[in-house]
Amino acid sequence: MNRTVGVLLAGGLSRRFGSPKAFAELDGKPFYEYALKALEAASDHVVVISRPELVARFPSDLDVITDLEIFEGKGPLAGIMTAMTERPADQYLVLPCDMPFVGAAEAKALRKYAKNSHDVTALRNQEEAIPLFSIWNSRIKDALEAELKSGQLRVMEFMEKVQTEWLDSAAIHGNPAVFRNLNKPEQGKGGDEHGHHTSAGSL
């Protein structure tokens, strides 16, 4: 059985949101707790990647680390690279903190569908790609490091350079809204059932 480390991305600047998304609440519970439970259900260990100023806000029993200094603040690819470097495993199940509707069932299903022959396994639907709820094979670590050192930080661009398997999100859950990112505070209050994913171009 391959060792799977869950990677909870919780270090974004959250400019549009106005406050750290990890601690925004949905039904009285911080966003990160939803992602944490999903990852715990489908991983052998979970590491939270966050910003230095936020580390102390997480419970002390969580494994919370910050980006490798050389790649600090360089976005999701830097977070994944940090996890691969600091928490060795065979594969990494990645989930951002701003996708609180993804649960244990979805995380387990994605792990089940991911094949070792693929470098990355991610989701898409008819409207868009969902690159950051995904599984990354550890063998692409060197390629990822080279990408970051070159200054190329776009997730989608990197995924085009490696063997990425795009699964239809309907195979994981029939409602595409489950996979949306919450980018505005009012979405976290449950009032927006039509929230939109971050566009691939901004990743």
C-alpha atoms as a PDB file:
ATOM      1  CA  MET A   1       0.000   0.000   0.000  1.00  0.00           C
ATOM      2  CA  ASN A   2       1.390   3.365  -1.022  1.00  0.00           C
ATOM      3  CA  ARG A   3       1.897   5.889   1.741  1.00  0.00           C
ATOM      4  CA  THR A   4      -0.338   8.877   1.112  1.00  0.00           C
ATOM      5  CA  VAL A   5       0.206  12.230   2.779  1.00  0.00           C
ATOM      6  CA  GLY A   6      -2.658  14.697   2.740  1.00  0.00           C
ATOM      7  CA  VAL A   7      -1.631  18.272   1.940  1.00  0.00           C
ATOM      8  CA  LEU A   8      -3.941  20.971   3.275  1.00  0.00           C
ATOM      9  CA  LEU A   9      -3.098  24.214   1.492  1.00  0.00           C
ATOM     10  CA  ALA A  10      -3.868  26.974   3.983  1.00  0.00           C
ATOM     11  CA  GLY A  11      -1.351  29.702   3.258  1.00  0.00           C
ATOM     12  CA  GLY A  12      -2.956  31.838   0.574  1.00  0.00           C
ATOM     13  CA  LEU A  13      -2.987  35.610   0.872  1.00  0.00           C
ATOM     14  CA  SER A  14      -6.766  35.619   0.392  1.00  0.00           C
ATOM     15  CA  ARG A  15      -6.781  39.113  -1.097  1.00  0.00           C
ATOM     16  CA  ARG A  16     -10.306  38.759  -2.457  1.00  0.00           C
ATOM     17  CA  PHE A  17     -11.585  37.201   0.736  1.00  0.00           C
ATOM     18  CA  GLY A  18     -10.211  39.961   2.980  1.00  0.00           C
ATOM     19  CA  SER A  19      -9.082  37.633   5.804  1.00  0.00           C
ATOM     20  CA  PRO A  20      -7.303  34.256   6.055  1.00  0.00           C
ATOM     21  CA  LYS A  21      -9.615  31.759   4.389  1.00  0.00           C
ATOM     22  CA  ALA A  22      -8.460  28.908   6.608  1.00  0.00           C
ATOM     23  CA  PHE A  23     -10.220  30.503   9.578  1.00  0.00           C
ATOM     24  CA  ALA A  24     -13.322  31.764   7.809  1.00  0.00           C
ATOM     25  CA  GLU A  25     -16.340  29.863   9.076  1.00  0.00           C
ATOM     26  CA  LEU A  26     -19.064  27.781   7.507  1.00  0.00           C
ATOM     27  CA  ASP A  27     -21.872  26.784   9.860  1.00  0.00           C
ATOM     28  CA  GLY A  28     -19.724  27.874  12.794  1.00  0.00           C
ATOM     29  CA  LYS A  29     -16.693  25.783  11.858  1.00  0.00           C
ATOM     30  CA  PRO A  30     -13.430  27.030  10.281  1.00  0.00           C
ATOM     31  CA  PHE A  31     -12.927  26.141   6.621  1.00  0.00           C
ATOM     32  CA  TYR A  32      -9.707  24.273   7.341  1.00  0.00           C
ATOM     33  CA  GLU A  33     -11.491  21.785   9.608  1.00  0.00           C
ATOM     34  CA  TYR A  34     -13.641  20.565   6.718  1.00  0.00           C
ATOM     35  CA  ALA A  35     -10.587  19.997   4.520  1.00  0.00           C
ATOM     36  CA  LEU A  36      -8.712  18.395   7.402  1.00  0.00           C
ATOM     37  CA  LYS A  37     -11.449  15.816   8.031  1.00  0.00           C
ATOM     38  CA  ALA A  38     -11.647  14.973   4.338  1.00  0.00           C
ATOM     39  CA  LEU A  39      -7.887  14.471   4.085  1.00  0.00           C
ATOM     40  CA  GLU A  40      -7.650  12.496   7.324  1.00  0.00           C
ATOM     41  CA  ALA A  41     -10.192  10.011   5.989  1.00  0.00           C
ATOM     42  CA  ALA A  42      -8.106   9.229   2.901  1.00  0.00           C
ATOM     43  CA  SER A  43      -4.489   9.795   4.013  1.00  0.00           C
ATOM     44  CA  ASP A  44      -1.935   8.146   6.265  1.00  0.00           C
ATOM     45  CA  HIS A  45      -0.870  11.553   7.591  1.00  0.00           C
ATOM     46  CA  VAL A  46      -1.958  15.154   7.002  1.00  0.00           C
ATOM     47  CA  VAL A  47       0.354  18.161   6.838  1.00  0.00           C
ATOM     48  CA  VAL A  48      -0.975  21.720   6.822  1.00  0.00           C
ATOM     49  CA  ILE A  49       0.983  24.233   4.749  1.00  0.00           C
ATOM     50  CA  SER A  50       0.411  27.765   6.021  1.00  0.00           C
ATOM     51  CA  ARG A  51       2.023  31.158   6.536  1.00  0.00           C
ATOM     52  CA  PRO A  52       4.335  31.929   9.478  1.00  0.00           C
ATOM     53  CA  GLU A  53       1.904  34.415  11.006  1.00  0.00           C
ATOM     54  CA  LEU A  54      -0.933  31.860  10.983  1.00  0.00           C
ATOM     55  CA  VAL A  55       0.813  28.791  12.415  1.00  0.00           C
ATOM     56  CA  ALA A  56       0.003  29.606  16.043  1.00  0.00           C
ATOM     57  CA  ARG A  57      -3.708  29.838  15.219  1.00  0.00           C
ATOM     58  CA  PHE A  58      -3.946  26.131  14.419  1.00  0.00           C
ATOM     59  CA  PRO A  59      -4.334  23.510  17.186  1.00  0.00           C
ATOM     60  CA  SER A  60      -0.953  22.430  18.531  1.00  0.00           C
ATOM     61  CA  ASP A  61      -1.596  18.763  17.734  1.00  0.00           C
ATOM     62  CA  LEU A  62      -1.733  19.407  13.978  1.00  0.00           C
ATOM     63  CA  ASP A  63       1.331  19.056  11.773  1.00  0.00           C
ATOM     64  CA  VAL A  64       1.603  22.632  10.487  1.00  0.00           C
ATOM     65  CA  ILE A  65       4.609  23.797   8.493  1.00  0.00           C
ATOM     66  CA  THR A  66       5.489  26.769   6.295  1.00  0.00           C
ATOM     67  CA  ASP A  67       6.903  26.955   2.782  1.00  0.00           C
ATOM     68  CA  LEU A  68      10.525  26.098   2.208  1.00  0.00           C
ATOM     69  CA  GLU A  69      12.387  29.386   2.514  1.00  0.00           C
ATOM     70  CA  ILE A  70      13.556  29.328  -1.100  1.00  0.00           C
ATOM     71  CA  PHE A  71       9.950  29.109  -2.330  1.00  0.00           C
ATOM     72  CA  GLU A  72       8.166  31.080   0.380  1.00  0.00           C
ATOM     73  CA  GLY A  73       4.944  32.705  -0.776  1.00  0.00           C
ATOM     74  CA  LYS A  74       5.141  31.198  -4.251  1.00  0.00           C
ATOM     75  CA  GLY A  75       1.646  29.754  -4.253  1.00  0.00           C
ATOM     76  CA  PRO A  76       0.185  26.240  -4.399  1.00  0.00           C
ATOM     77  CA  LEU A  77       3.103  24.650  -6.255  1.00  0.00           C
ATOM     78  CA  ALA A  78       5.433  25.825  -3.484  1.00  0.00           C
ATOM     79  CA  GLY A  79       3.135  24.283  -0.882  1.00  0.00           C
ATOM     80  CA  ILE A  80       3.107  20.940  -2.672  1.00  0.00           C
ATOM     81  CA  MET A  81       6.886  21.048  -3.105  1.00  0.00           C
ATOM     82  CA  THR A  82       7.294  21.801   0.600  1.00  0.00           C
ATOM     83  CA  ALA A  83       5.149  18.797   1.539  1.00  0.00           C
ATOM     84  CA  MET A  84       7.132  16.520  -0.775  1.00  0.00           C
ATOM     85  CA  THR A  85      10.393  17.714   0.757  1.00  0.00           C
ATOM     86  CA  GLU A  86       9.419  17.740   4.421  1.00  0.00           C
ATOM     87  CA  ARG A  87       7.006  14.776   4.573  1.00  0.00           C
ATOM     88  CA  PRO A  88       8.242  11.982   2.280  1.00  0.00           C
ATOM     89  CA  ALA A  89       5.536   9.714   0.849  1.00  0.00           C
ATOM     90  CA  ASP A  90       4.594   7.856  -2.311  1.00  0.00           C
ATOM     91  CA  GLN A  91       1.791  10.231  -3.215  1.00  0.00           C
ATOM     92  CA  TYR A  92       0.151  13.413  -1.989  1.00  0.00           C
ATOM     93  CA  LEU A  93      -3.568  14.107  -1.753  1.00  0.00           C
ATOM     94  CA  VAL A  94      -3.931  17.867  -2.116  1.00  0.00           C
ATOM     95  CA  LEU A  95      -6.921  19.937  -0.988  1.00  0.00           C
ATOM     96  CA  PRO A  96      -7.123  23.727  -0.490  1.00  0.00           C
ATOM     97  CA  CYS A  97      -8.782  25.078   2.636  1.00  0.00           C
ATOM     98  CA  ASP A  98     -11.334  27.010   0.557  1.00  0.00           C
ATOM     99  CA  MET A  99     -13.144  23.894  -0.725  1.00  0.00           C
ATOM    100  CA  PRO A 100     -15.118  23.024   2.437  1.00  0.00           C
ATOM    101  CA  PHE A 101     -17.804  21.025   0.632  1.00  0.00           C
ATOM    102  CA  VAL A 102     -15.345  18.276  -0.312  1.00  0.00           C
ATOM    103  CA  GLY A 103     -15.741  15.553   2.289  1.00  0.00           C
ATOM    104  CA  ALA A 104     -14.321  12.193   3.254  1.00  0.00           C
ATOM    105  CA  ALA A 105     -16.278  10.322   0.577  1.00  0.00           C
ATOM    106  CA  GLU A 106     -14.905  12.520  -2.207  1.00  0.00           C
ATOM    107  CA  ALA A 107     -11.335  12.287  -0.895  1.00  0.00           C
ATOM    108  CA  LYS A 108     -11.536   8.498  -0.666  1.00  0.00           C
ATOM    109  CA  ALA A 109     -13.018   8.268  -4.148  1.00  0.00           C
ATOM    110  CA  LEU A 110     -10.249  10.375  -5.675  1.00  0.00           C
ATOM    111  CA  ARG A 111      -7.614   8.207  -4.019  1.00  0.00           C
ATOM    112  CA  LYS A 112      -9.359   5.099  -5.349  1.00  0.00           C
ATOM    113  CA  TYR A 113      -9.393   6.397  -8.916  1.00  0.00           C
ATOM    114  CA  ALA A 114      -5.797   7.664  -8.948  1.00  0.00           C
ATOM    115  CA  LYS A 115      -3.394   5.326 -10.721  1.00  0.00           C
ATOM    116  CA  ASN A 116       0.290   5.103  -9.942  1.00  0.00           C
ATOM    117  CA  SER A 117       1.049   5.400 -13.664  1.00  0.00           C
ATOM    118  CA  HIS A 118      -0.151   9.013 -13.676  1.00  0.00           C
ATOM    119  CA  ASP A 119       1.964  11.886 -12.356  1.00  0.00           C
ATOM    120  CA  VAL A 120      -1.089  13.893 -11.271  1.00  0.00           C
ATOM    121  CA  THR A 121      -4.754  12.949 -11.033  1.00  0.00           C
ATOM    122  CA  ALA A 122      -7.186  15.877 -10.941  1.00  0.00           C
ATOM    123  CA  LEU A 123     -10.815  16.688 -11.720  1.00  0.00           C
ATOM    124  CA  ARG A 124     -12.674  18.660 -14.324  1.00  0.00           C
ATOM    125  CA  ASN A 125     -16.237  19.120 -15.469  1.00  0.00           C
ATOM    126  CA  GLN A 126     -17.830  20.588 -18.581  1.00  0.00           C
ATOM    127  CA  GLU A 127     -17.149  24.133 -17.429  1.00  0.00           C
ATOM    128  CA  GLU A 128     -13.716  24.087 -15.839  1.00  0.00           C
ATOM    129  CA  ALA A 129     -10.706  22.289 -14.473  1.00  0.00           C
ATOM    130  CA  ILE A 130     -10.384  21.687 -10.726  1.00  0.00           C
ATOM    131  CA  PRO A 131      -6.612  21.309 -10.416  1.00  0.00           C
ATOM    132  CA  LEU A 132      -6.038  21.647  -6.698  1.00  0.00           C
ATOM    133  CA  PHE A 133      -8.197  18.795  -5.425  1.00  0.00           C
ATOM    134  CA  SER A 134      -5.767  16.270  -6.790  1.00  0.00           C
ATOM    135  CA  ILE A 135      -3.241  13.510  -6.178  1.00  0.00           C
ATOM    136  CA  TRP A 136       0.444  14.052  -6.976  1.00  0.00           C
ATOM    137  CA  ASN A 137       2.980  11.255  -7.371  1.00  0.00           C
ATOM    138  CA  SER A 138       6.264  11.803  -5.545  1.00  0.00           C
ATOM    139  CA  ARG A 139       8.307  11.006  -8.658  1.00  0.00           C
ATOM    140  CA  ILE A 140       7.595  14.468 -10.076  1.00  0.00           C
ATOM    141  CA  LYS A 141       9.337  16.218  -7.190  1.00  0.00           C
ATOM    142  CA  ASP A 142      12.462  17.048  -9.215  1.00  0.00           C
ATOM    143  CA  ALA A 143      10.413  18.405 -12.106  1.00  0.00           C
ATOM    144  CA  LEU A 144       8.349  20.488  -9.694  1.00  0.00           C
ATOM    145  CA  GLU A 145      11.460  21.880  -8.049  1.00  0.00           C
ATOM    146  CA  ALA A 146      12.895  22.839 -11.438  1.00  0.00           C
ATOM    147  CA  GLU A 147       9.619  24.522 -12.368  1.00  0.00           C
ATOM    148  CA  LEU A 148       9.624  26.640  -9.225  1.00  0.00           C
ATOM    149  CA  LYS A 149      13.275  27.574  -9.611  1.00  0.00           C
ATOM    150  CA  SER A 150      12.534  28.745 -13.146  1.00  0.00           C
ATOM    151  CA  GLY A 151       9.898  31.115 -11.757  1.00  0.00           C
ATOM    152  CA  GLN A 152       6.961  29.341 -13.369  1.00  0.00           C
ATOM    153  CA  LEU A 153       4.278  29.215 -10.665  1.00  0.00           C
ATOM    154  CA  ARG A 154       1.084  28.367 -12.535  1.00  0.00           C
ATOM    155  CA  VAL A 155      -0.445  25.077 -11.468  1.00  0.00           C
ATOM    156  CA  MET A 156      -2.161  24.368 -14.782  1.00  0.00           C
ATOM    157  CA  GLU A 157       0.959  25.107 -16.804  1.00  0.00           C
ATOM    158  CA  PHE A 158       2.971  22.627 -14.769  1.00  0.00           C
ATOM    159  CA  MET A 159       0.245  20.006 -15.009  1.00  0.00           C
ATOM    160  CA  GLU A 160       0.389  20.278 -18.794  1.00  0.00           C
ATOM    161  CA  LYS A 161       4.088  19.349 -18.700  1.00  0.00           C
ATOM    162  CA  VAL A 162       3.628  16.108 -16.753  1.00  0.00           C
ATOM    163  CA  GLN A 163       1.277  13.157 -17.230  1.00  0.00           C
ATOM    164  CA  THR A 164      -1.958  14.458 -15.766  1.00  0.00           C
ATOM    165  CA  GLU A 165      -5.085  12.343 -15.742  1.00  0.00           C
ATOM    166  CA  TRP A 166      -8.242  14.466 -15.756  1.00  0.00           C
ATOM    167  CA  LEU A 167     -11.214  12.692 -14.219  1.00  0.00           C
ATOM    168  CA  ASP A 168     -14.792  13.763 -14.770  1.00  0.00           C
ATOM    169  CA  SER A 169     -15.814  15.240 -11.417  1.00  0.00           C
ATOM    170  CA  ALA A 170     -19.183  13.483 -11.754  1.00  0.00           C
ATOM    171  CA  ALA A 171     -17.367  10.225 -11.040  1.00  0.00           C
ATOM    172  CA  ILE A 172     -16.576  11.604  -7.580  1.00  0.00           C
ATOM    173  CA  HIS A 173     -19.776  13.546  -6.905  1.00  0.00           C
ATOM    174  CA  GLY A 174     -22.702  14.360  -9.154  1.00  0.00           C
ATOM    175  CA  ASN A 175     -23.102  17.946  -7.942  1.00  0.00           C
ATOM    176  CA  PRO A 176     -20.309  20.177  -9.339  1.00  0.00           C
ATOM    177  CA  ALA A 177     -20.996  22.762  -6.610  1.00  0.00           C
ATOM    178  CA  VAL A 178     -19.297  20.394  -4.152  1.00  0.00           C
ATOM    179  CA  PHE A 179     -15.967  21.262  -5.770  1.00  0.00           C
ATOM    180  CA  ARG A 180     -16.287  25.040  -5.790  1.00  0.00           C
ATOM    181  CA  ASN A 181     -13.859  27.393  -4.118  1.00  0.00           C
ATOM    182  CA  LEU A 182     -15.323  29.943  -1.717  1.00  0.00           C
ATOM    183  CA  ASN A 183     -13.729  33.236  -2.661  1.00  0.00           C
ATOM    184  CA  LYS A 184     -16.037  35.707  -0.920  1.00  0.00           C
ATOM    185  CA  PRO A 185     -17.073  35.908   2.743  1.00  0.00           C
ATOM    186  CA  GLU A 186     -20.784  35.787   1.929  1.00  0.00           C
ATOM    187  CA  GLN A 187     -20.317  32.401   0.245  1.00  0.00           C
ATOM    188  CA  GLY A 188     -19.181  30.984   3.578  1.00  0.00           C
ATOM    189  CA  LYS A 189     -22.480  32.024   5.114  1.00  0.00           C
ATOM    190  CA  GLY A 190     -24.332  29.535   2.978  1.00  0.00           C
ATOM    191  CA  GLY A 191     -26.124  32.187   0.949  1.00  0.00           C
ATOM    192  CA  ASP A 192     -24.442  31.456  -2.371  1.00  0.00           C
ATOM    193  CA  GLU A 193     -25.250  28.107  -3.874  1.00  0.00           C
ATOM    194  CA  HIS A 194     -23.691  29.132  -7.171  1.00  0.00           C
ATOM    195  CA  GLY A 195     -20.168  29.987  -6.084  1.00  0.00           C
ATOM    196  CA  HIS A 196     -17.502  29.767  -8.723  1.00  0.00           C
ATOM    197  CA  HIS A 197     -14.161  28.052  -8.797  1.00  0.00           C
ATOM    198  CA  THR A 198     -11.031  30.066  -9.102  1.00  0.00           C
ATOM    199  CA  SER A 199     -10.367  30.253 -12.813  1.00  0.00           C
ATOM    200  CA  ALA A 200      -7.554  28.088 -14.075  1.00  0.00           C
ATOM    201  CA  GLY A 201      -5.793  31.163 -15.403  1.00  0.00           C
ATOM    202  CA  SER A 202      -5.181  32.479 -11.916  1.00  0.00           C
ATOM    203  CA  LEU A 203      -3.631  29.251 -10.683  1.00  0.00           C
END
